[in-house]
C-alpha cells in the first residue's frame, strides 16, 4: 500500500493564552506603552498607553489582562495641519488667526474665510471645518468681487464732553 502524508493544522482561537495569562500587549498606531512590553503577563495586569502631543487618545488609556485576553486598547487620533500652501490652493485664509501653519486636534473646528478679492464657491464645503482623524475638508473660494473684510472699516471718532 501507499503511504499518504497527512497535514495537521493547528488553529488557535482568539488571543487566549493558557492559565489566564496574556501575551504581549497590542501595538497601537501612533501610540506607545508607558512601560517596556514583556512576552507574558499575569491575570489582572494593567498597562497604560500614551499618544504624542496634539494626538487625541480615544478610549481607555489602560488595558487589563482578563481571562487570557487584553481589553480593547485606545486609538490615537491624528492632528490636522493647515498649511499656507493648502489655503493658497483654495483661496482661503484663517478667519481668526494670522499664521502660516496651524495644528489642530481631532474634533476641533477651524474657521476659514475667502481671501480679499475672492468669493465662496457655491459647491464649497462649509467654512467652519472640523478636523477628523487627521483630515480636513477645505472650503473653496473663486475669484470674484463680492468678498469684503469680515468687519467694516470704521473711521475713528472723537468723543467730546464730560462724563
Protein backbone atom coordinates (compact mmCIF):
# COMPACT_ATOMS: atom_id res chain seq x y z
CA UNK A 1 0.00 0.00 0.00
CA UNK A 2 0.84 3.62 -0.46
CA UNK A 3 1.69 5.94 2.42
CA UNK A 4 -0.39 9.11 2.29
CA UNK A 5 1.19 12.08 4.05
CA UNK A 6 -1.16 13.95 6.32
CA UNK A 7 -1.10 17.62 7.24
CA UNK A 8 -2.11 18.66 10.71
CA UNK A 9 -3.30 22.21 11.06
CA UNK A 10 -3.36 23.80 14.49
CA UNK A 11 -5.66 26.77 14.88
CA UNK A 12 -5.60 28.99 17.93
CA UNK A 13 -8.95 30.64 18.51
CA UNK A 14 -8.78 34.22 19.71
CA UNK A 15 -5.89 35.62 21.69
CA UNK A 16 -6.37 33.37 24.72
CA UNK A 17 -3.33 32.01 26.48
CA UNK A 18 -3.06 29.17 28.96
CA UNK A 19 -3.84 29.73 32.63
CA UNK A 20 -5.45 33.15 32.17
CA UNK A 21 -2.13 34.76 31.24
CA UNK A 22 -1.86 37.26 28.38
CA UNK A 23 0.73 37.53 25.66
CA UNK A 24 2.38 40.77 24.50
CA UNK A 25 0.05 43.80 24.57
CA UNK A 26 -1.44 45.11 21.32
CA UNK A 27 0.58 47.70 19.40
CA UNK A 28 -1.38 50.85 18.58
CA UNK A 29 -0.69 53.19 15.66
CA UNK A 30 0.91 56.49 16.73
CA UNK A 31 0.92 55.44 20.39
CA UNK A 32 3.28 53.96 22.95
CA UNK A 33 3.13 51.91 26.12
CA UNK A 34 4.34 53.69 29.25
CA UNK A 35 6.25 50.54 30.23
CA UNK A 36 8.54 48.17 28.35
CA UNK A 37 6.44 45.34 26.81
CA UNK A 38 7.00 41.78 28.05
CA UNK A 39 6.14 38.44 26.41
CA UNK A 40 3.72 37.31 29.11
CA UNK A 41 1.53 38.98 31.73
CA UNK A 42 -0.43 37.57 34.65
CA UNK A 43 -4.19 37.83 35.05
CA UNK A 44 -5.17 41.34 36.23
CA UNK A 45 -2.06 43.08 34.83
CA UNK A 46 -2.79 46.69 33.81
CA UNK A 47 -0.80 48.61 31.18
CA UNK A 48 -1.12 52.24 30.10
CA UNK A 49 -0.73 53.88 26.68
CA UNK A 50 0.07 57.46 25.67
CA UNK A 51 -0.32 59.43 22.45
CA UNK A 52 2.09 62.07 21.10
CA UNK A 53 1.42 65.77 21.50
CA UNK A 54 -1.64 67.05 19.57
CA UNK A 55 -2.97 63.50 19.10
CA UNK A 56 -6.23 62.71 20.86
CA UNK A 57 -6.49 59.45 22.82
CA UNK A 58 -9.86 57.81 22.16
CA UNK A 59 -10.99 55.05 24.50
CA UNK A 60 -9.43 53.98 27.78
CA UNK A 61 -5.70 54.65 28.16
CA UNK A 62 -5.44 51.46 30.28
CA UNK A 63 -5.80 47.84 29.19
CA UNK A 64 -6.23 44.87 31.52
CA UNK A 65 -5.34 41.19 31.14
CA UNK A 66 -8.63 39.38 31.76
CA UNK A 67 -9.11 35.63 31.21
CA UNK A 68 -6.12 35.43 28.87
CA UNK A 69 -7.16 38.42 26.74
CA UNK A 70 -6.37 42.12 26.76
CA UNK A 71 -9.24 44.58 26.98
CA UNK A 72 -9.60 46.94 23.98
CA UNK A 73 -6.66 49.32 23.53
CA UNK A 74 -7.16 53.03 22.83
CA UNK A 75 -6.70 54.75 19.46
CA UNK A 76 -4.51 57.82 18.89
CA UNK A 77 -6.35 60.18 16.54
CA UNK A 78 -4.03 62.24 14.33
CA UNK A 79 -3.93 66.03 14.38
CA UNK A 80 -4.69 68.19 11.33
CA UNK A 81 -2.13 70.53 9.81
CA UNK A 82 -3.43 73.60 8.00
CA UNK A 83 -0.69 74.99 5.76
CA UNK A 84 -0.24 78.16 3.75
CA UNK A 85 0.03 76.03 0.58
CA UNK A 86 -3.32 74.29 1.19
CA UNK A 87 -5.02 77.60 1.95
CA UNK A 88 -3.45 79.22 -1.15
CA UNK A 89 -4.74 76.42 -3.40
CA UNK A 90 -8.27 77.07 -2.13
CA UNK A 91 -8.02 80.91 -2.00
CA UNK A 92 -8.82 80.95 1.71
CA UNK A 93 -7.27 82.18 4.94
CA UNK A 94 -7.79 81.51 8.61
CA UNK A 95 -10.62 83.65 9.95
CA UNK A 96 -9.28 84.41 13.42
CA UNK A 97 -5.56 83.64 13.39
CA UNK A 98 -2.74 85.11 11.35
CA UNK A 99 -0.49 82.08 10.96
CA UNK A 100 1.35 80.25 8.19
CA UNK A 101 0.66 76.88 9.76
CA UNK A 102 -1.87 75.71 12.31
CA UNK A 103 -2.03 72.40 14.12
CA UNK A 104 -5.43 71.29 15.30
CA UNK A 105 -6.57 68.32 17.38
CA UNK A 106 -9.06 65.79 16.07
CA UNK A 107 -12.56 67.08 16.83
CA UNK A 108 -11.56 70.77 16.80
CA UNK A 109 -13.24 73.25 14.46
CA UNK A 110 -11.30 75.69 12.27
CA UNK A 111 -12.90 78.79 10.75
CA UNK A 112 -11.84 80.00 7.31
CA UNK A 113 -12.79 82.93 5.11
CA UNK A 114 -12.15 83.88 1.49
CA UNK A 115 -9.08 85.92 0.70
CA UNK A 116 -9.76 89.51 -0.35
CA UNK A 117 -10.98 89.59 -3.97
CA UNK A 118 -12.48 86.08 -3.77
CA UNK A 119 -15.95 84.78 -3.03
CA UNK A 120 -17.26 81.47 -1.71
CA UNK A 121 -17.61 78.78 -4.35
CA UNK A 122 -21.28 77.62 -4.34
CA UNK A 123 -20.04 74.00 -4.29
CA UNK A 124 -17.72 74.65 -1.35
CA UNK A 125 -17.82 72.65 1.88
CA UNK A 126 -18.65 74.74 4.99
CA UNK A 127 -16.21 77.46 6.06
CA UNK A 128 -16.26 76.01 9.58
CA UNK A 129 -14.30 72.79 9.05
CA UNK A 130 -13.83 70.01 11.60
CA UNK A 131 -10.56 68.12 11.98
CA UNK A 132 -11.43 64.41 11.85
CA UNK A 133 -8.65 61.87 12.47
CA UNK A 134 -6.01 63.94 10.69
CA UNK A 135 -8.14 65.01 7.73
CA UNK A 136 -9.80 68.31 6.98
CA UNK A 137 -12.17 69.25 4.18
CA UNK A 138 -11.10 72.69 2.96
CA UNK A 139 -13.66 75.24 1.81
CA UNK A 140 -13.02 76.84 -1.60
CA UNK A 141 -13.24 80.36 -2.93
CA UNK A 142 -13.17 81.56 -6.52
CA UNK A 143 -12.20 84.93 -8.00
CA UNK A 144 -14.95 87.50 -7.54
CA UNK A 145 -15.69 90.93 -6.16
CA UNK A 146 -18.30 90.04 -3.56
CA UNK A 147 -15.84 89.32 -0.78
CA UNK A 148 -15.23 92.03 1.74
CA UNK A 149 -13.45 92.22 5.04
CA UNK A 150 -15.30 90.49 7.84
CA UNK A 151 -15.62 93.71 9.83
CA UNK A 152 -16.39 97.01 8.07
CA UNK A 153 -13.69 99.64 8.25
CA UNK A 154 -14.69 102.17 10.89
CA UNK A 155 -13.46 105.72 10.97
CA UNK A 156 -12.01 106.89 14.26
CA UNK A 157 -14.41 109.06 16.19
CA UNK A 158 -13.80 111.82 18.68
CA UNK A 159 -15.91 111.96 21.82
CA UNK A 160 -16.38 115.41 23.30
CA UNK A 161 -17.98 116.39 26.52
CA UNK A 162 -17.72 115.26 30.09
CA UNK A 163 -18.76 112.01 31.70
